[in-house]
Amino acid sequence: MEYHIAEELDREVLFQKLKTPKELLIKPSLDKLLKYMLIDWFVVIVCWLSLTIVNNALYPIVALIIASRFHSFGVILHDLTHMPLKKKTIKIRIIEVFTGYPIATTLNAMRYHHLRHHKDSCMVTDPYLKPISSNYSLALLVNVLKSSFLIPFWLIRSVYGVIAFCIPFLRQSYAIVFLQDKSGKNVTRSKEVTQCAKEDIFQFLFFTGVFTGVLYFLSFTTLLFYYIVPALITGCFSGYRVFKEHRYTEPVNDRKMDTIIETTTDHNLTGITRFFLAPRNIGYHTVHHLHPQVAWYALPELRKWYLQNHPNIYEV
């Protein structure tokens, strides 16, 4: 049995939604998520193969492309995060292992902090709330640089999670530091936190096997240029995106529709930057917060409906 707050999120975000056509509220399909996961993996594998023949001067371009697909993995797992799943089927496990593990997260860990972000978006209990800064450019730069270490930090989480699963006393610090818990509650016996720690065992074994295999059969240089450098770039992409998605000023105190619209921002909807900084329509962020369970591939049409029918409330 999976423990998460997807249903609680629906209960607590009680703002009156407009009469949005039901045919636009398309839920994610596991088969489609698998399809786009395979497409992204095809791109990554082609890039890895190309590194054996391309000139070293072209490496930065290839690394950026690999990082963009790692970033896309996170968006695919993100859609899975919003699905009210009761148990992990084979399809769900496959998506988790091939999109979550490469970027050092599990479905449970992402679901823990991300669903709470949606429930308390831009409130003091929002795990993603950023400190106020009068210098936007400096704040953005700091956030991007810090986020470059996001995947290595999550790798540390998997190690700490294994220990926390075995030693309940450590689950409180595990939740606060690695799951971004801001509830202020004692979560030592929380079934959800315990399950997150348990799932980290599988991620830890995955990375132990992969890293050992690469270092034994190939080299650290291979690990560095094929995975570590793209992973650091992926963190930068993610840090930029999270900062751009919301207007972090003073924390808000409610979950009203107007508040969501005022504190969320669409970005990088077109052009080449979309491929790197907002893959899989993650830049359609306002409408995503209004309808978090709508599939990423349905967001453009949903946003278009809002712009056509309610241009006074949805800022272009």
C-alpha atoms as a PDB file:
ATOM      1  CA  MET A   1       0.000   0.000   0.000  1.00  0.00           C
ATOM      2  CA  GLU A   2       1.417   3.377  -1.041  1.00  0.00           C
ATOM      3  CA  TYR A   3       1.219   6.268   1.425  1.00  0.00           C
ATOM      4  CA  HIS A   4       0.957   9.761  -0.073  1.00  0.00           C
ATOM      5  CA  ILE A   5      -1.218  12.881   0.063  1.00  0.00           C
ATOM      6  CA  ALA A   6      -2.619  13.017  -3.478  1.00  0.00           C
ATOM      7  CA  GLU A   7      -6.180  12.639  -2.206  1.00  0.00           C
ATOM      8  CA  GLU A   8      -5.525  15.055   0.662  1.00  0.00           C
ATOM      9  CA  LEU A   9      -4.280  17.569  -1.893  1.00  0.00           C
ATOM     10  CA  ASP A  10      -7.607  17.376  -3.737  1.00  0.00           C
ATOM     11  CA  ARG A  11      -9.528  17.853  -0.484  1.00  0.00           C
ATOM     12  CA  GLU A  12      -7.558  20.809   0.812  1.00  0.00           C
ATOM     13  CA  VAL A  13      -7.173  22.854  -2.352  1.00  0.00           C
ATOM     14  CA  LEU A  14     -10.799  23.911  -2.273  1.00  0.00           C
ATOM     15  CA  PHE A  15     -10.797  26.940  -4.535  1.00  0.00           C
ATOM     16  CA  GLN A  16     -13.694  27.215  -6.960  1.00  0.00           C
ATOM     17  CA  LYS A  17     -12.439  26.117 -10.333  1.00  0.00           C
ATOM     18  CA  LEU A  18     -14.066  27.505 -13.435  1.00  0.00           C
ATOM     19  CA  LYS A  19     -16.264  25.303 -15.590  1.00  0.00           C
ATOM     20  CA  THR A  20     -13.393  23.783 -17.486  1.00  0.00           C
ATOM     21  CA  PRO A  21     -14.466  21.293 -20.186  1.00  0.00           C
ATOM     22  CA  LYS A  22     -13.928  17.766 -18.907  1.00  0.00           C
ATOM     23  CA  GLU A  23     -12.460  16.674 -22.231  1.00  0.00           C
ATOM     24  CA  LEU A  24      -9.488  18.981 -21.542  1.00  0.00           C
ATOM     25  CA  LEU A  25      -8.773  17.461 -18.137  1.00  0.00           C
ATOM     26  CA  ILE A  26      -6.814  14.491 -19.459  1.00  0.00           C
ATOM     27  CA  LYS A  27      -5.094  12.328 -16.869  1.00  0.00           C
ATOM     28  CA  PRO A  28      -1.606  10.900 -17.518  1.00  0.00           C
ATOM     29  CA  SER A  29      -1.395   7.554 -19.277  1.00  0.00           C
ATOM     30  CA  LEU A  30       1.237   5.093 -18.088  1.00  0.00           C
ATOM     31  CA  ASP A  31       1.692   3.856 -21.654  1.00  0.00           C
ATOM     32  CA  LYS A  32       2.402   7.399 -22.881  1.00  0.00           C
ATOM     33  CA  LEU A  33       4.819   8.033 -20.022  1.00  0.00           C
ATOM     34  CA  LEU A  34       6.630   4.822 -20.973  1.00  0.00           C
ATOM     35  CA  LYS A  35       6.713   5.912 -24.610  1.00  0.00           C
ATOM     36  CA  TYR A  36       8.299   9.286 -23.895  1.00  0.00           C
ATOM     37  CA  MET A  37      10.675   7.693 -21.393  1.00  0.00           C
ATOM     38  CA  LEU A  38      11.930   5.400 -24.178  1.00  0.00           C
ATOM     39  CA  ILE A  39      12.304   8.360 -26.545  1.00  0.00           C
ATOM     40  CA  ASP A  40      14.420  10.216 -23.988  1.00  0.00           C
ATOM     41  CA  TRP A  41      16.547   7.149 -23.337  1.00  0.00           C
ATOM     42  CA  PHE A  42      17.100   6.744 -27.076  1.00  0.00           C
ATOM     43  CA  VAL A  43      18.446  10.310 -27.220  1.00  0.00           C
ATOM     44  CA  VAL A  44      20.711   9.714 -24.202  1.00  0.00           C
ATOM     45  CA  ILE A  45      22.111   6.472 -25.634  1.00  0.00           C
ATOM     46  CA  VAL A  46      22.761   8.077 -29.027  1.00  0.00           C
ATOM     47  CA  CYS A  47      24.585  10.910 -27.251  1.00  0.00           C
ATOM     48  CA  TRP A  48      26.676   8.450 -25.242  1.00  0.00           C
ATOM     49  CA  LEU A  49      27.599   6.550 -28.404  1.00  0.00           C
ATOM     50  CA  SER A  50      28.455   9.791 -30.165  1.00  0.00           C
ATOM     51  CA  LEU A  51      31.003  10.649 -27.463  1.00  0.00           C
ATOM     52  CA  THR A  52      33.245   7.891 -28.816  1.00  0.00           C
ATOM     53  CA  ILE A  53      33.523   9.619 -32.198  1.00  0.00           C
ATOM     54  CA  VAL A  54      32.824  13.344 -31.795  1.00  0.00           C
ATOM     55  CA  ASN A  55      35.523  15.936 -31.402  1.00  0.00           C
ATOM     56  CA  ASN A  56      36.156  16.936 -27.782  1.00  0.00           C
ATOM     57  CA  ALA A  57      35.184  20.479 -28.676  1.00  0.00           C
ATOM     58  CA  LEU A  58      31.636  19.263 -29.251  1.00  0.00           C
ATOM     59  CA  TYR A  59      31.382  17.630 -25.828  1.00  0.00           C
ATOM     60  CA  PRO A  60      29.635  20.635 -24.177  1.00  0.00           C
ATOM     61  CA  ILE A  61      26.796  20.410 -26.718  1.00  0.00           C
ATOM     62  CA  VAL A  62      26.380  16.662 -26.202  1.00  0.00           C
ATOM     63  CA  ALA A  63      26.500  17.079 -22.415  1.00  0.00           C
ATOM     64  CA  LEU A  64      23.777  19.748 -22.588  1.00  0.00           C
ATOM     65  CA  ILE A  65      21.555  17.444 -24.632  1.00  0.00           C
ATOM     66  CA  ILE A  66      22.059  14.573 -22.174  1.00  0.00           C
ATOM     67  CA  ALA A  67      21.263  16.932 -19.301  1.00  0.00           C
ATOM     68  CA  SER A  68      18.093  18.071 -21.054  1.00  0.00           C
ATOM     69  CA  ARG A  69      16.873  14.452 -21.200  1.00  0.00           C
ATOM     70  CA  PHE A  70      17.773  13.880 -17.559  1.00  0.00           C
ATOM     71  CA  HIS A  71      15.671  16.978 -16.896  1.00  0.00           C
ATOM     72  CA  SER A  72      12.883  15.447 -18.966  1.00  0.00           C
ATOM     73  CA  PHE A  73      13.090  12.258 -16.884  1.00  0.00           C
ATOM     74  CA  GLY A  74      12.155  14.381 -13.881  1.00  0.00           C
ATOM     75  CA  VAL A  75       9.087  15.777 -15.651  1.00  0.00           C
ATOM     76  CA  ILE A  76       7.890  12.309 -16.647  1.00  0.00           C
ATOM     77  CA  LEU A  77       8.286  11.105 -13.050  1.00  0.00           C
ATOM     78  CA  HIS A  78       6.574  14.322 -11.959  1.00  0.00           C
ATOM     79  CA  ASP A  79       3.420  13.355 -13.875  1.00  0.00           C
ATOM     80  CA  LEU A  80       3.506   9.968 -12.174  1.00  0.00           C
ATOM     81  CA  THR A  81       3.848  11.779  -8.850  1.00  0.00           C
ATOM     82  CA  HIS A  82       0.436  13.394  -9.269  1.00  0.00           C
ATOM     83  CA  MET A  83      -1.380  10.139  -9.984  1.00  0.00           C
ATOM     84  CA  PRO A  84      -3.313   8.797  -6.931  1.00  0.00           C
ATOM     85  CA  LEU A  85      -1.545   5.424  -6.980  1.00  0.00           C
ATOM     86  CA  LYS A  86      -2.354   2.753  -4.426  1.00  0.00           C
ATOM     87  CA  LYS A  87       0.427   0.340  -5.339  1.00  0.00           C
ATOM     88  CA  LYS A  88       3.380   0.140  -7.681  1.00  0.00           C
ATOM     89  CA  THR A  89       2.618  -1.972 -10.721  1.00  0.00           C
ATOM     90  CA  ILE A  90       5.301  -3.255 -13.079  1.00  0.00           C
ATOM     91  CA  LYS A  91       4.790  -0.269 -15.408  1.00  0.00           C
ATOM     92  CA  ILE A  92       5.107   2.178 -12.529  1.00  0.00           C
ATOM     93  CA  ARG A  93       8.272   0.474 -11.293  1.00  0.00           C
ATOM     94  CA  ILE A  94       9.789   0.630 -14.778  1.00  0.00           C
ATOM     95  CA  ILE A  95       9.057   4.340 -15.081  1.00  0.00           C
ATOM     96  CA  GLU A  96      10.434   4.988 -11.597  1.00  0.00           C
ATOM     97  CA  VAL A  97      13.645   3.039 -12.173  1.00  0.00           C
ATOM     98  CA  PHE A  98      14.395   4.472 -15.613  1.00  0.00           C
ATOM     99  CA  THR A  99      13.372   8.095 -14.982  1.00  0.00           C
ATOM    100  CA  GLY A 100      13.773   8.539 -11.226  1.00  0.00           C
ATOM    101  CA  TYR A 101      16.856   6.532 -10.357  1.00  0.00           C
ATOM    102  CA  PRO A 102      19.120   8.157 -13.002  1.00  0.00           C
ATOM    103  CA  ILE A 103      18.421  11.547 -11.409  1.00  0.00           C
ATOM    104  CA  ALA A 104      18.801  10.039  -7.920  1.00  0.00           C
ATOM    105  CA  THR A 105      15.224  10.114  -6.734  1.00  0.00           C
ATOM    106  CA  THR A 106      12.404   7.711  -6.084  1.00  0.00           C
ATOM    107  CA  LEU A 107       8.740   8.227  -6.818  1.00  0.00           C
ATOM    108  CA  ASN A 108       8.070   8.331  -3.074  1.00  0.00           C
ATOM    109  CA  ALA A 109      10.693  10.973  -2.315  1.00  0.00           C
ATOM    110  CA  MET A 110       9.537  13.251  -5.129  1.00  0.00           C
ATOM    111  CA  ARG A 111       5.919  12.743  -4.190  1.00  0.00           C
ATOM    112  CA  TYR A 112       6.620  13.673  -0.561  1.00  0.00           C
ATOM    113  CA  HIS A 113       7.981  17.152  -1.236  1.00  0.00           C
ATOM    114  CA  HIS A 114       6.227  17.911  -4.522  1.00  0.00           C
ATOM    115  CA  LEU A 115       2.649  17.219  -3.434  1.00  0.00           C
ATOM    116  CA  ARG A 116       3.229  19.343  -0.343  1.00  0.00           C
ATOM    117  CA  HIS A 117       4.518  22.094  -2.605  1.00  0.00           C
ATOM    118  CA  HIS A 118       1.202  22.016  -4.474  1.00  0.00           C
ATOM    119  CA  LYS A 119      -0.885  21.863  -1.323  1.00  0.00           C
ATOM    120  CA  ASP A 120       0.908  24.847   0.257  1.00  0.00           C
ATOM    121  CA  SER A 121       2.269  26.650  -2.797  1.00  0.00           C
ATOM    122  CA  CYS A 122       4.203  29.774  -1.762  1.00  0.00           C
ATOM    123  CA  MET A 123       3.113  29.402   1.878  1.00  0.00           C
ATOM    124  CA  VAL A 124       5.664  29.170   4.698  1.00  0.00           C
ATOM    125  CA  THR A 125       5.193  25.386   4.649  1.00  0.00           C
ATOM    126  CA  ASP A 126       5.961  25.139   0.924  1.00  0.00           C
ATOM    127  CA  PRO A 127       9.131  23.000   0.576  1.00  0.00           C
ATOM    128  CA  TYR A 128      10.184  25.060  -2.459  1.00  0.00           C
ATOM    129  CA  LEU A 129       9.682  28.529  -0.963  1.00  0.00           C
ATOM    130  CA  LYS A 130      12.768  30.623  -1.689  1.00  0.00           C
ATOM    131  CA  PRO A 131      14.158  33.360   0.547  1.00  0.00           C
ATOM    132  CA  ILE A 132      13.204  36.889  -0.397  1.00  0.00           C
ATOM    133  CA  SER A 133      15.865  38.852  -2.265  1.00  0.00           C
ATOM    134  CA  SER A 134      15.771  42.355  -3.669  1.00  0.00           C
ATOM    135  CA  ASN A 135      18.273  41.339  -6.349  1.00  0.00           C
ATOM    136  CA  TYR A 136      16.440  38.926  -8.630  1.00  0.00           C
ATOM    137  CA  SER A 137      19.418  38.166 -10.857  1.00  0.00           C
ATOM    138  CA  LEU A 138      21.689  37.380  -7.919  1.00  0.00           C
ATOM    139  CA  ALA A 139      19.040  35.207  -6.275  1.00  0.00           C
ATOM    140  CA  LEU A 140      18.562  33.303  -9.536  1.00  0.00           C
ATOM    141  CA  LEU A 141      22.303  32.773  -9.933  1.00  0.00           C
ATOM    142  CA  VAL A 142      22.692  31.536  -6.361  1.00  0.00           C
ATOM    143  CA  ASN A 143      19.774  29.154  -6.795  1.00  0.00           C
ATOM    144  CA  VAL A 144      21.197  27.737 -10.051  1.00  0.00           C
ATOM    145  CA  LEU A 145      24.662  27.214  -8.547  1.00  0.00           C
ATOM    146  CA  LYS A 146      23.255  25.533  -5.434  1.00  0.00           C
ATOM    147  CA  SER A 147      21.036  23.302  -7.534  1.00  0.00           C
ATOM    148  CA  SER A 148      24.003  21.986  -9.526  1.00  0.00           C
ATOM    149  CA  PHE A 149      24.613  19.687  -6.557  1.00  0.00           C
ATOM    150  CA  LEU A 150      20.999  18.536  -6.376  1.00  0.00           C
ATOM    151  CA  ILE A 151      21.567  15.051  -7.817  1.00  0.00           C
ATOM    152  CA  PRO A 152      24.704  14.390  -5.689  1.00  0.00           C
ATOM    153  CA  PHE A 153      22.705  15.566  -2.663  1.00  0.00           C
ATOM    154  CA  TRP A 154      19.909  13.134  -3.511  1.00  0.00           C
ATOM    155  CA  LEU A 155      22.500  10.387  -3.818  1.00  0.00           C
ATOM    156  CA  ILE A 156      23.499  11.119  -0.231  1.00  0.00           C
ATOM    157  CA  ARG A 157      19.803  10.918   0.634  1.00  0.00           C
ATOM    158  CA  SER A 158      19.634   7.325  -0.555  1.00  0.00           C
ATOM    159  CA  VAL A 159      22.486   6.387   1.799  1.00  0.00           C
ATOM    160  CA  TYR A 160      20.960   8.261   4.735  1.00  0.00           C
ATOM    161  CA  GLY A 161      17.554   6.807   3.893  1.00  0.00           C
ATOM    162  CA  VAL A 162      18.863   3.255   4.221  1.00  0.00           C
ATOM    163  CA  ILE A 163      20.262   4.078   7.661  1.00  0.00           C
ATOM    164  CA  ALA A 164      17.086   5.947   8.690  1.00  0.00           C
ATOM    165  CA  PHE A 165      14.955   2.974   7.706  1.00  0.00           C
ATOM    166  CA  CYS A 166      16.972   0.807  10.099  1.00  0.00           C
ATOM    167  CA  ILE A 167      17.236   3.433  12.847  1.00  0.00           C
ATOM    168  CA  PRO A 168      13.834   5.154  13.381  1.00  0.00           C
ATOM    169  CA  PHE A 169      15.415   7.943  15.463  1.00  0.00           C
ATOM    170  CA  LEU A 170      17.001   9.329  12.285  1.00  0.00           C
ATOM    171  CA  ARG A 171      13.777   9.571  10.293  1.00  0.00           C
ATOM    172  CA  GLN A 172      12.948  13.022  11.632  1.00  0.00           C
ATOM    173  CA  SER A 173      16.201  14.506  10.330  1.00  0.00           C
ATOM    174  CA  TYR A 174      15.838  12.449   7.136  1.00  0.00           C
ATOM    175  CA  ALA A 175      12.429  14.015   6.481  1.00  0.00           C
ATOM    176  CA  ILE A 176      13.507  17.570   7.272  1.00  0.00           C
ATOM    177  CA  VAL A 177      16.832  17.568   5.410  1.00  0.00           C
ATOM    178  CA  PHE A 178      16.140  15.305   2.443  1.00  0.00           C
ATOM    179  CA  LEU A 179      12.352  15.325   1.988  1.00  0.00           C
ATOM    180  CA  GLN A 180      12.041  19.047   2.777  1.00  0.00           C
ATOM    181  CA  ASP A 181       9.403  18.483   5.449  1.00  0.00           C
ATOM    182  CA  LYS A 182       8.210  21.788   6.949  1.00  0.00           C
ATOM    183  CA  SER A 183       5.262  20.501   8.928  1.00  0.00           C
ATOM    184  CA  GLY A 184       6.950  20.933  12.307  1.00  0.00           C
ATOM    185  CA  LYS A 185       5.488  17.583  13.342  1.00  0.00           C
ATOM    186  CA  ASN A 186       7.267  14.523  14.684  1.00  0.00           C
ATOM    187  CA  VAL A 187       7.310  12.194  11.678  1.00  0.00           C
ATOM    188  CA  THR A 188       9.486   9.467  13.183  1.00  0.00           C
ATOM    189  CA  ARG A 189       6.620   6.965  12.983  1.00  0.00           C
ATOM    190  CA  SER A 190       5.074   8.347   9.810  1.00  0.00           C
ATOM    191  CA  LYS A 191       4.222   5.519   7.400  1.00  0.00           C
ATOM    192  CA  GLU A 192       4.917   7.851   4.478  1.00  0.00           C
ATOM    193  CA  VAL A 193       8.393   8.799   5.710  1.00  0.00           C
ATOM    194  CA  THR A 194       9.176   5.182   6.545  1.00  0.00           C
ATOM    195  CA  GLN A 195       8.180   4.123   3.049  1.00  0.00           C
ATOM    196  CA  CYS A 196      10.361   6.845   1.508  1.00  0.00           C
ATOM    197  CA  ALA A 197      13.316   5.526   3.511  1.00  0.00           C
ATOM    198  CA  LYS A 198      12.531   1.951   2.494  1.00  0.00           C
ATOM    199  CA  GLU A 199      12.424   2.896  -1.191  1.00  0.00           C
ATOM    200  CA  ASP A 200      15.857   4.492  -0.848  1.00  0.00           C
ATOM    201  CA  ILE A 201      17.236   0.996  -0.255  1.00  0.00           C
ATOM    202  CA  PHE A 202      16.447   0.085  -3.868  1.00  0.00           C
ATOM    203  CA  GLN A 203      17.931   3.318  -5.204  1.00  0.00           C
ATOM    204  CA  PHE A 204      21.080   2.778  -3.137  1.00  0.00           C
ATOM    205  CA  LEU A 205      21.499  -0.756  -4.508  1.00  0.00           C
ATOM    206  CA  PHE A 206      20.905   0.548  -8.041  1.00  0.00           C
ATOM    207  CA  PHE A 207      23.652   3.157  -7.844  1.00  0.00           C
ATOM    208  CA  THR A 208      26.019   0.828  -6.045  1.00  0.00           C
ATOM    209  CA  GLY A 209      25.656  -1.681  -8.882  1.00  0.00           C
ATOM    210  CA  VAL A 210      25.870   0.860 -11.704  1.00  0.00           C
ATOM    211  CA  PHE A 211      28.823   2.793 -10.294  1.00  0.00           C
ATOM    212  CA  THR A 212      30.712  -0.391  -9.428  1.00  0.00           C
ATOM    213  CA  GLY A 213      30.126  -1.789 -12.907  1.00  0.00           C
ATOM    214  CA  VAL A 214      31.214   1.376 -14.702  1.00  0.00           C
ATOM    215  CA  LEU A 215      34.342   1.794 -12.586  1.00  0.00           C
ATOM    216  CA  TYR A 216      35.287  -1.889 -12.935  1.00  0.00           C
ATOM    217  CA  PHE A 217      34.639  -2.378 -16.643  1.00  0.00           C
ATOM    218  CA  LEU A 218      35.238   1.176 -17.909  1.00  0.00           C
ATOM    219  CA  SER A 219      36.787   4.067 -15.963  1.00  0.00           C
ATOM    220  CA  PHE A 220      36.132   7.036 -13.717  1.00  0.00           C
ATOM    221  CA  THR A 221      36.619   9.276 -16.764  1.00  0.00           C
ATOM    222  CA  THR A 222      33.672   7.541 -18.417  1.00  0.00           C
ATOM    223  CA  LEU A 223      31.545   8.020 -15.314  1.00  0.00           C
ATOM    224  CA  LEU A 224      32.588  11.670 -15.094  1.00  0.00           C
ATOM    225  CA  PHE A 225      31.852  12.737 -18.663  1.00  0.00           C
ATOM    226  CA  TYR A 226      28.939  10.430 -19.429  1.00  0.00           C
ATOM    227  CA  TYR A 227      27.014  10.929 -16.207  1.00  0.00           C
ATOM    228  CA  ILE A 228      28.427  13.229 -13.519  1.00  0.00           C
ATOM    229  CA  VAL A 229      28.901  16.355 -15.663  1.00  0.00           C
ATOM    230  CA  PRO A 230      25.445  16.053 -17.325  1.00  0.00           C
ATOM    231  CA  ALA A 231      23.934  15.419 -13.882  1.00  0.00           C
ATOM    232  CA  LEU A 232      25.442  18.655 -12.533  1.00  0.00           C
ATOM    233  CA  ILE A 233      24.075  20.552 -15.540  1.00  0.00           C
ATOM    234  CA  THR A 234      20.669  18.955 -14.971  1.00  0.00           C
ATOM    235  CA  GLY A 235      20.675  20.382 -11.459  1.00  0.00           C
ATOM    236  CA  CYS A 236      21.321  23.849 -12.894  1.00  0.00           C
ATOM    237  CA  PHE A 237      18.424  23.478 -15.326  1.00  0.00           C
ATOM    238  CA  SER A 238      16.160  22.370 -12.506  1.00  0.00           C
ATOM    239  CA  GLY A 239      17.237  25.178 -10.196  1.00  0.00           C
ATOM    240  CA  TYR A 240      16.573  27.765 -12.897  1.00  0.00           C
ATOM    241  CA  ARG A 241      13.169  26.295 -13.642  1.00  0.00           C
ATOM    242  CA  VAL A 242      11.986  26.093 -10.026  1.00  0.00           C
ATOM    243  CA  PHE A 243      12.998  29.714  -9.463  1.00  0.00           C
ATOM    244  CA  LYS A 244      11.219  30.898 -12.634  1.00  0.00           C
ATOM    245  CA  GLU A 245       8.009  28.999 -11.943  1.00  0.00           C
ATOM    246  CA  HIS A 246       6.914  31.097  -8.980  1.00  0.00           C
ATOM    247  CA  ARG A 247       6.898  34.705  -7.832  1.00  0.00           C
ATOM    248  CA  TYR A 248       8.636  34.303  -4.501  1.00  0.00           C
ATOM    249  CA  THR A 249       7.866  37.479  -2.581  1.00  0.00           C
ATOM    250  CA  GLU A 250       6.063  37.458   0.757  1.00  0.00           C
ATOM    251  CA  PRO A 251       4.607  34.043   1.685  1.00  0.00           C
ATOM    252  CA  VAL A 252       0.866  33.752   1.005  1.00  0.00           C
ATOM    253  CA  ASN A 253      -1.747  32.559   3.492  1.00  0.00           C
ATOM    254  CA  ASP A 254      -4.411  30.841   1.394  1.00  0.00           C
ATOM    255  CA  ARG A 255      -5.003  28.406  -1.457  1.00  0.00           C
ATOM    256  CA  LYS A 256      -7.404  30.530  -3.502  1.00  0.00           C
ATOM    257  CA  MET A 257      -7.426  30.360  -7.266  1.00  0.00           C
ATOM    258  CA  ASP A 258      -6.437  34.028  -7.582  1.00  0.00           C
ATOM    259  CA  THR A 259      -3.477  33.419  -5.273  1.00  0.00           C
ATOM    260  CA  ILE A 260      -2.256  30.511  -7.379  1.00  0.00           C
ATOM    261  CA  ILE A 261      -2.505  32.605 -10.539  1.00  0.00           C
ATOM    262  CA  GLU A 262      -0.689  35.544  -8.937  1.00  0.00           C
ATOM    263  CA  THR A 263       2.191  33.422  -7.617  1.00  0.00           C
ATOM    264  CA  THR A 264       2.851  31.104 -10.574  1.00  0.00           C
ATOM    265  CA  THR A 265       4.493  31.928 -13.886  1.00  0.00           C
ATOM    266  CA  ASP A 266       4.648  30.310 -17.301  1.00  0.00           C
ATOM    267  CA  HIS A 267       8.072  30.303 -18.951  1.00  0.00           C
ATOM    268  CA  ASN A 268      10.030  28.981 -21.931  1.00  0.00           C
ATOM    269  CA  LEU A 269       6.947  27.832 -23.840  1.00  0.00           C
ATOM    270  CA  THR A 270       8.598  28.075 -27.255  1.00  0.00           C
ATOM    271  CA  GLY A 271      12.005  27.989 -28.901  1.00  0.00           C
ATOM    272  CA  ILE A 272      15.162  26.040 -28.178  1.00  0.00           C
ATOM    273  CA  THR A 273      15.157  26.995 -24.485  1.00  0.00           C
ATOM    274  CA  ARG A 274      12.034  24.914 -24.047  1.00  0.00           C
ATOM    275  CA  PHE A 275      14.017  21.766 -24.908  1.00  0.00           C
ATOM    276  CA  PHE A 276      16.578  22.424 -22.177  1.00  0.00           C
ATOM    277  CA  LEU A 277      14.819  24.488 -19.498  1.00  0.00           C
ATOM    278  CA  ALA A 278      11.173  23.423 -19.728  1.00  0.00           C
ATOM    279  CA  PRO A 279      10.938  19.956 -21.304  1.00  0.00           C
ATOM    280  CA  ARG A 280       7.640  18.111 -21.585  1.00  0.00           C
ATOM    281  CA  ASN A 281       5.569  21.309 -21.144  1.00  0.00           C
ATOM    282  CA  ILE A 282       6.685  21.870 -17.548  1.00  0.00           C
ATOM    283  CA  GLY A 283       6.790  25.581 -18.428  1.00  0.00           C
ATOM    284  CA  TYR A 284       2.972  25.619 -18.550  1.00  0.00           C
ATOM    285  CA  HIS A 285       3.110  26.079 -14.831  1.00  0.00           C
ATOM    286  CA  THR A 286       0.110  28.202 -13.917  1.00  0.00           C
ATOM    287  CA  VAL A 287      -2.397  25.872 -15.509  1.00  0.00           C
ATOM    288  CA  HIS A 288      -0.508  22.937 -14.010  1.00  0.00           C
ATOM    289  CA  HIS A 289      -1.100  24.345 -10.530  1.00  0.00           C
ATOM    290  CA  LEU A 290      -4.766  24.888 -11.325  1.00  0.00           C
ATOM    291  CA  HIS A 291      -5.098  21.297 -12.533  1.00  0.00           C
ATOM    292  CA  PRO A 292      -2.132  19.337 -11.143  1.00  0.00           C
ATOM    293  CA  GLN A 293      -3.442  15.935 -12.234  1.00  0.00           C
ATOM    294  CA  VAL A 294      -3.706  16.858 -15.904  1.00  0.00           C
ATOM    295  CA  ALA A 295      -1.083  15.188 -18.113  1.00  0.00           C
ATOM    296  CA  TRP A 296       1.814  17.299 -19.369  1.00  0.00           C
ATOM    297  CA  TYR A 297       0.843  16.676 -23.001  1.00  0.00           C
ATOM    298  CA  ALA A 298      -2.646  18.140 -22.363  1.00  0.00           C
ATOM    299  CA  LEU A 299      -1.488  21.416 -20.792  1.00  0.00           C
ATOM    300  CA  PRO A 300      -1.114  23.535 -23.984  1.00  0.00           C
ATOM    301  CA  GLU A 301      -4.779  23.058 -24.972  1.00  0.00           C
ATOM    302  CA  LEU A 302      -5.911  23.656 -21.413  1.00  0.00           C
ATOM    303  CA  ARG A 303      -3.918  26.879 -21.204  1.00  0.00           C
ATOM    304  CA  LYS A 304      -5.364  27.971 -24.558  1.00  0.00           C
ATOM    305  CA  TRP A 305      -8.884  27.471 -23.185  1.00  0.00           C
ATOM    306  CA  TYR A 306      -8.091  29.675 -20.173  1.00  0.00           C
ATOM    307  CA  LEU A 307      -6.634  32.409 -22.368  1.00  0.00           C
ATOM    308  CA  GLN A 308      -9.670  32.369 -24.653  1.00  0.00           C
ATOM    309  CA  ASN A 309     -12.320  32.179 -21.955  1.00  0.00           C
ATOM    310  CA  HIS A 310     -10.755  33.965 -18.973  1.00  0.00           C
ATOM    311  CA  PRO A 311      -8.065  36.349 -20.264  1.00  0.00           C
ATOM    312  CA  ASN A 312      -8.732  38.677 -17.332  1.00  0.00           C
ATOM    313  CA  ILE A 313      -7.351  36.224 -14.780  1.00  0.00           C
ATOM    314  CA  TYR A 314      -4.662  34.358 -16.725  1.00  0.00           C
ATOM    315  CA  GLU A 315      -1.637  36.508 -17.447  1.00  0.00           C
ATOM    316  CA  VAL A 316       0.151  35.793 -20.717  1.00  0.00           C
END
